[in-house]
Amino acid sequence: MWRRLRNRQLGGFKFVRQEPIGPYFADFVCREHKLVVEVDGGTHGEPSELQADAKRTAHLEQLGYRILRIHNIDVYENVELVLDALLAQLSATP
């Protein structure tokens, strides 16, 4: 997926990877539109991970970011659908 987000290939939007935001590192960020994309693996269904994710999301939202969580299996199996969802989120941003 990263190859498809580099160099403004997705609708002209710029993404950075592994961006530090406060005490966290976001998987992908479009700074201009304050959209954080988190790619979650299989462990993100565990109660401790869900709690950590909720805390992280709350912190990022307090900083004005929107968070889009994507399962890593979708990146592997439905990358076009994932990219369409990202583009829709970004296009809806004023």
N, C-alpha and C. Protein backbone atom coordinates (compact mmCIF):
# COMPACT_ATOMS: atom_id res chain seq x y z
N MET A 1 0.82 -1.19 0.00
CA MET A 1 0.00 0.00 0.00
C MET A 1 0.86 1.25 0.00
N TRP A 2 1.98 1.19 0.72
CA TRP A 2 2.83 2.38 0.82
C TRP A 2 3.25 2.88 -0.55
N ARG A 3 3.53 1.97 -1.45
CA ARG A 3 3.94 2.39 -2.81
C ARG A 3 2.86 3.22 -3.48
N ARG A 4 1.60 2.93 -3.17
CA ARG A 4 0.48 3.63 -3.79
C ARG A 4 0.19 4.98 -3.12
N LEU A 5 0.76 5.19 -1.93
CA LEU A 5 0.54 6.45 -1.23
C LEU A 5 1.69 7.43 -1.42
N ARG A 6 2.82 6.93 -1.87
CA ARG A 6 4.01 7.77 -2.04
C ARG A 6 3.85 8.75 -3.18
N ASN A 7 4.58 9.84 -3.08
CA ASN A 7 4.70 10.82 -4.17
C ASN A 7 3.35 11.34 -4.68
N ARG A 8 2.42 11.51 -3.76
CA ARG A 8 1.11 12.09 -4.09
C ARG A 8 0.35 11.31 -5.16
N GLN A 9 0.54 10.01 -5.20
CA GLN A 9 -0.11 9.18 -6.22
C GLN A 9 -1.61 9.00 -5.97
N LEU A 10 -2.06 9.18 -4.76
CA LEU A 10 -3.48 9.01 -4.45
C LEU A 10 -4.15 10.38 -4.42
N GLY A 11 -4.73 10.77 -5.53
CA GLY A 11 -5.48 12.02 -5.61
C GLY A 11 -4.68 13.27 -5.33
N GLY A 12 -3.36 13.17 -5.38
CA GLY A 12 -2.51 14.33 -5.12
C GLY A 12 -2.28 14.60 -3.63
N PHE A 13 -2.76 13.70 -2.77
CA PHE A 13 -2.60 13.87 -1.33
C PHE A 13 -1.25 13.33 -0.88
N LYS A 14 -0.59 14.07 0.01
CA LYS A 14 0.72 13.65 0.51
C LYS A 14 0.58 12.87 1.81
N PHE A 15 1.20 11.72 1.84
CA PHE A 15 1.23 10.88 3.03
C PHE A 15 2.66 10.71 3.49
N VAL A 16 2.82 10.58 4.80
CA VAL A 16 4.10 10.20 5.38
C VAL A 16 3.87 8.92 6.17
N ARG A 17 4.91 8.17 6.35
CA ARG A 17 4.83 6.87 7.00
C ARG A 17 5.56 6.90 8.34
N GLN A 18 5.03 6.20 9.32
CA GLN A 18 5.61 6.12 10.66
C GLN A 18 5.91 7.51 11.23
N GLU A 19 4.86 8.33 11.24
CA GLU A 19 4.96 9.71 11.70
C GLU A 19 4.79 9.79 13.22
N PRO A 20 5.75 10.39 13.92
CA PRO A 20 5.56 10.58 15.36
C PRO A 20 4.54 11.69 15.62
N ILE A 21 3.55 11.36 16.44
CA ILE A 21 2.55 12.34 16.87
C ILE A 21 2.42 12.15 18.38
N GLY A 22 2.94 13.09 19.12
CA GLY A 22 2.95 12.94 20.56
C GLY A 22 3.74 11.69 20.92
N PRO A 23 3.20 10.87 21.82
CA PRO A 23 3.92 9.67 22.24
C PRO A 23 3.72 8.47 21.29
N TYR A 24 3.01 8.68 20.19
CA TYR A 24 2.66 7.58 19.28
C TYR A 24 3.32 7.74 17.92
N PHE A 25 3.37 6.65 17.19
CA PHE A 25 3.79 6.67 15.80
C PHE A 25 2.61 6.21 14.96
N ALA A 26 2.15 7.06 14.08
CA ALA A 26 1.04 6.71 13.20
C ALA A 26 1.58 5.93 12.00
N ASP A 27 0.83 4.93 11.56
CA ASP A 27 1.28 4.14 10.41
C ASP A 27 1.42 5.02 9.17
N PHE A 28 0.36 5.78 8.86
CA PHE A 28 0.37 6.72 7.74
C PHE A 28 -0.39 7.97 8.16
N VAL A 29 0.07 9.12 7.66
CA VAL A 29 -0.61 10.38 7.98
C VAL A 29 -0.64 11.27 6.75
N CYS A 30 -1.81 11.84 6.51
CA CYS A 30 -1.91 12.95 5.58
C CYS A 30 -2.01 14.18 6.47
N ARG A 31 -0.90 14.87 6.63
CA ARG A 31 -0.83 16.01 7.57
C ARG A 31 -1.79 17.12 7.17
N GLU A 32 -1.83 17.39 5.87
CA GLU A 32 -2.64 18.50 5.35
C GLU A 32 -4.11 18.35 5.75
N HIS A 33 -4.61 17.13 5.80
CA HIS A 33 -6.01 16.89 6.12
C HIS A 33 -6.19 16.22 7.49
N LYS A 34 -5.09 16.11 8.23
CA LYS A 34 -5.10 15.56 9.60
C LYS A 34 -5.82 14.21 9.64
N LEU A 35 -5.46 13.34 8.72
CA LEU A 35 -6.01 11.99 8.68
C LEU A 35 -4.92 10.99 9.00
N VAL A 36 -5.15 10.22 10.04
CA VAL A 36 -4.24 9.15 10.45
C VAL A 36 -4.83 7.84 9.96
N VAL A 37 -4.00 7.03 9.31
CA VAL A 37 -4.42 5.71 8.86
C VAL A 37 -3.65 4.68 9.67
N GLU A 38 -4.39 3.88 10.42
CA GLU A 38 -3.79 2.82 11.22
C GLU A 38 -4.11 1.48 10.58
N VAL A 39 -3.08 0.70 10.31
CA VAL A 39 -3.25 -0.64 9.74
C VAL A 39 -3.09 -1.63 10.89
N ASP A 40 -4.20 -2.27 11.24
CA ASP A 40 -4.25 -3.14 12.41
C ASP A 40 -4.08 -4.60 12.03
N GLY A 41 -3.24 -5.29 12.75
CA GLY A 41 -3.03 -6.73 12.57
C GLY A 41 -3.99 -7.53 13.44
N GLY A 42 -3.79 -8.82 13.47
CA GLY A 42 -4.67 -9.74 14.17
C GLY A 42 -4.77 -9.52 15.66
N THR A 43 -3.74 -8.98 16.29
CA THR A 43 -3.77 -8.80 17.75
C THR A 43 -4.68 -7.66 18.17
N HIS A 44 -5.14 -6.85 17.25
CA HIS A 44 -5.94 -5.69 17.61
C HIS A 44 -7.36 -6.04 18.03
N GLY A 45 -7.68 -7.32 18.09
CA GLY A 45 -8.97 -7.75 18.60
C GLY A 45 -8.92 -8.14 20.06
N GLU A 46 -7.72 -8.19 20.61
CA GLU A 46 -7.54 -8.56 22.02
C GLU A 46 -7.98 -7.38 22.91
N PRO A 47 -8.56 -7.67 24.06
CA PRO A 47 -9.03 -6.59 24.94
C PRO A 47 -7.95 -5.55 25.29
N SER A 48 -6.74 -6.00 25.56
CA SER A 48 -5.68 -5.04 25.91
C SER A 48 -5.33 -4.14 24.73
N GLU A 49 -5.33 -4.71 23.54
CA GLU A 49 -5.05 -3.91 22.34
C GLU A 49 -6.19 -2.95 22.03
N LEU A 50 -7.42 -3.39 22.21
CA LEU A 50 -8.57 -2.52 21.98
C LEU A 50 -8.53 -1.33 22.93
N GLN A 51 -8.14 -1.58 24.18
CA GLN A 51 -8.03 -0.51 25.16
C GLN A 51 -6.91 0.46 24.77
N ALA A 52 -5.78 -0.07 24.36
CA ALA A 52 -4.66 0.78 23.94
C ALA A 52 -5.03 1.59 22.70
N ASP A 53 -5.73 0.95 21.76
CA ASP A 53 -6.16 1.65 20.54
C ASP A 53 -7.13 2.78 20.87
N ALA A 54 -8.05 2.53 21.81
CA ALA A 54 -9.02 3.56 22.20
C ALA A 54 -8.30 4.76 22.83
N LYS A 55 -7.32 4.49 23.66
CA LYS A 55 -6.54 5.56 24.30
C LYS A 55 -5.78 6.37 23.24
N ARG A 56 -5.15 5.66 22.32
CA ARG A 56 -4.40 6.29 21.24
C ARG A 56 -5.33 7.15 20.37
N THR A 57 -6.48 6.58 20.01
CA THR A 57 -7.45 7.31 19.19
C THR A 57 -7.91 8.57 19.89
N ALA A 58 -8.24 8.47 21.16
CA ALA A 58 -8.69 9.64 21.92
C ALA A 58 -7.62 10.73 21.94
N HIS A 59 -6.37 10.34 22.14
CA HIS A 59 -5.28 11.32 22.17
C HIS A 59 -5.14 12.01 20.81
N LEU A 60 -5.15 11.23 19.74
CA LEU A 60 -4.99 11.81 18.41
C LEU A 60 -6.18 12.70 18.04
N GLU A 61 -7.38 12.30 18.44
CA GLU A 61 -8.56 13.12 18.17
C GLU A 61 -8.49 14.44 18.93
N GLN A 62 -7.95 14.41 20.14
CA GLN A 62 -7.78 15.66 20.90
C GLN A 62 -6.85 16.62 20.18
N LEU A 63 -5.94 16.07 19.39
CA LEU A 63 -5.02 16.90 18.62
C LEU A 63 -5.60 17.32 17.27
N GLY A 64 -6.85 16.90 17.01
CA GLY A 64 -7.53 17.32 15.78
C GLY A 64 -7.44 16.33 14.63
N TYR A 65 -6.91 15.15 14.87
CA TYR A 65 -6.80 14.15 13.81
C TYR A 65 -8.05 13.29 13.72
N ARG A 66 -8.34 12.85 12.53
CA ARG A 66 -9.34 11.80 12.31
C ARG A 66 -8.56 10.51 12.12
N ILE A 67 -9.12 9.41 12.57
CA ILE A 67 -8.42 8.13 12.50
C ILE A 67 -9.24 7.17 11.66
N LEU A 68 -8.58 6.56 10.71
CA LEU A 68 -9.19 5.52 9.88
C LEU A 68 -8.42 4.24 10.15
N ARG A 69 -9.11 3.25 10.71
CA ARG A 69 -8.49 1.96 11.02
C ARG A 69 -8.83 0.97 9.92
N ILE A 70 -7.79 0.30 9.46
CA ILE A 70 -7.93 -0.68 8.38
C ILE A 70 -7.27 -1.97 8.84
N HIS A 71 -7.91 -3.08 8.57
CA HIS A 71 -7.32 -4.37 8.90
C HIS A 71 -6.25 -4.71 7.86
N ASN A 72 -5.13 -5.25 8.31
CA ASN A 72 -4.05 -5.55 7.37
C ASN A 72 -4.46 -6.57 6.33
N ILE A 73 -5.40 -7.44 6.64
CA ILE A 73 -5.85 -8.41 5.64
C ILE A 73 -6.52 -7.69 4.47
N ASP A 74 -7.20 -6.57 4.75
CA ASP A 74 -7.82 -5.79 3.68
C ASP A 74 -6.76 -5.14 2.78
N VAL A 75 -5.66 -4.74 3.38
CA VAL A 75 -4.57 -4.17 2.57
C VAL A 75 -4.05 -5.22 1.59
N TYR A 76 -3.93 -6.46 2.06
CA TYR A 76 -3.42 -7.52 1.20
C TYR A 76 -4.44 -8.01 0.19
N GLU A 77 -5.70 -8.08 0.60
CA GLU A 77 -6.70 -8.70 -0.26
C GLU A 77 -7.58 -7.71 -1.02
N ASN A 78 -7.72 -6.48 -0.52
CA ASN A 78 -8.62 -5.49 -1.13
C ASN A 78 -8.00 -4.10 -1.17
N VAL A 79 -6.76 -4.01 -1.61
CA VAL A 79 -6.06 -2.73 -1.54
C VAL A 79 -6.79 -1.64 -2.33
N GLU A 80 -7.42 -1.97 -3.44
CA GLU A 80 -8.14 -0.94 -4.21
C GLU A 80 -9.30 -0.38 -3.40
N LEU A 81 -10.01 -1.26 -2.68
CA LEU A 81 -11.11 -0.81 -1.83
C LEU A 81 -10.59 0.09 -0.70
N VAL A 82 -9.47 -0.27 -0.13
CA VAL A 82 -8.85 0.54 0.93
C VAL A 82 -8.46 1.91 0.38
N LEU A 83 -7.84 1.95 -0.77
CA LEU A 83 -7.43 3.22 -1.36
C LEU A 83 -8.64 4.08 -1.73
N ASP A 84 -9.71 3.45 -2.21
CA ASP A 84 -10.94 4.19 -2.50
C ASP A 84 -11.52 4.80 -1.23
N ALA A 85 -11.48 4.05 -0.12
CA ALA A 85 -11.98 4.56 1.15
C ALA A 85 -11.14 5.74 1.63
N LEU A 86 -9.83 5.64 1.47
CA LEU A 86 -8.95 6.76 1.84
C LEU A 86 -9.25 7.99 1.00
N LEU A 87 -9.38 7.79 -0.28
CA LEU A 87 -9.65 8.90 -1.18
C LEU A 87 -11.00 9.54 -0.85
N ALA A 88 -11.99 8.74 -0.52
CA ALA A 88 -13.30 9.29 -0.15
C ALA A 88 -13.20 10.12 1.13
N GLN A 89 -12.46 9.63 2.13
CA GLN A 89 -12.26 10.38 3.37
C GLN A 89 -11.57 11.71 3.10
N LEU A 90 -10.55 11.68 2.29
CA LEU A 90 -9.79 12.89 2.01
C LEU A 90 -10.56 13.87 1.16
N SER A 91 -11.32 13.37 0.23
CA SER A 91 -12.10 14.24 -0.66
C SER A 91 -13.24 14.91 0.09
N ALA A 92 -13.73 14.29 1.16
CA ALA A 92 -14.82 14.84 1.96
C ALA A 92 -14.33 15.90 2.93
N THR A 93 -13.03 16.00 3.11
CA THR A 93 -12.46 16.96 4.05
C THR A 93 -12.46 18.34 3.42
N PRO A 94 -12.96 19.35 4.16
CA PRO A 94 -12.95 20.72 3.61
C PRO A 94 -11.54 21.25 3.43
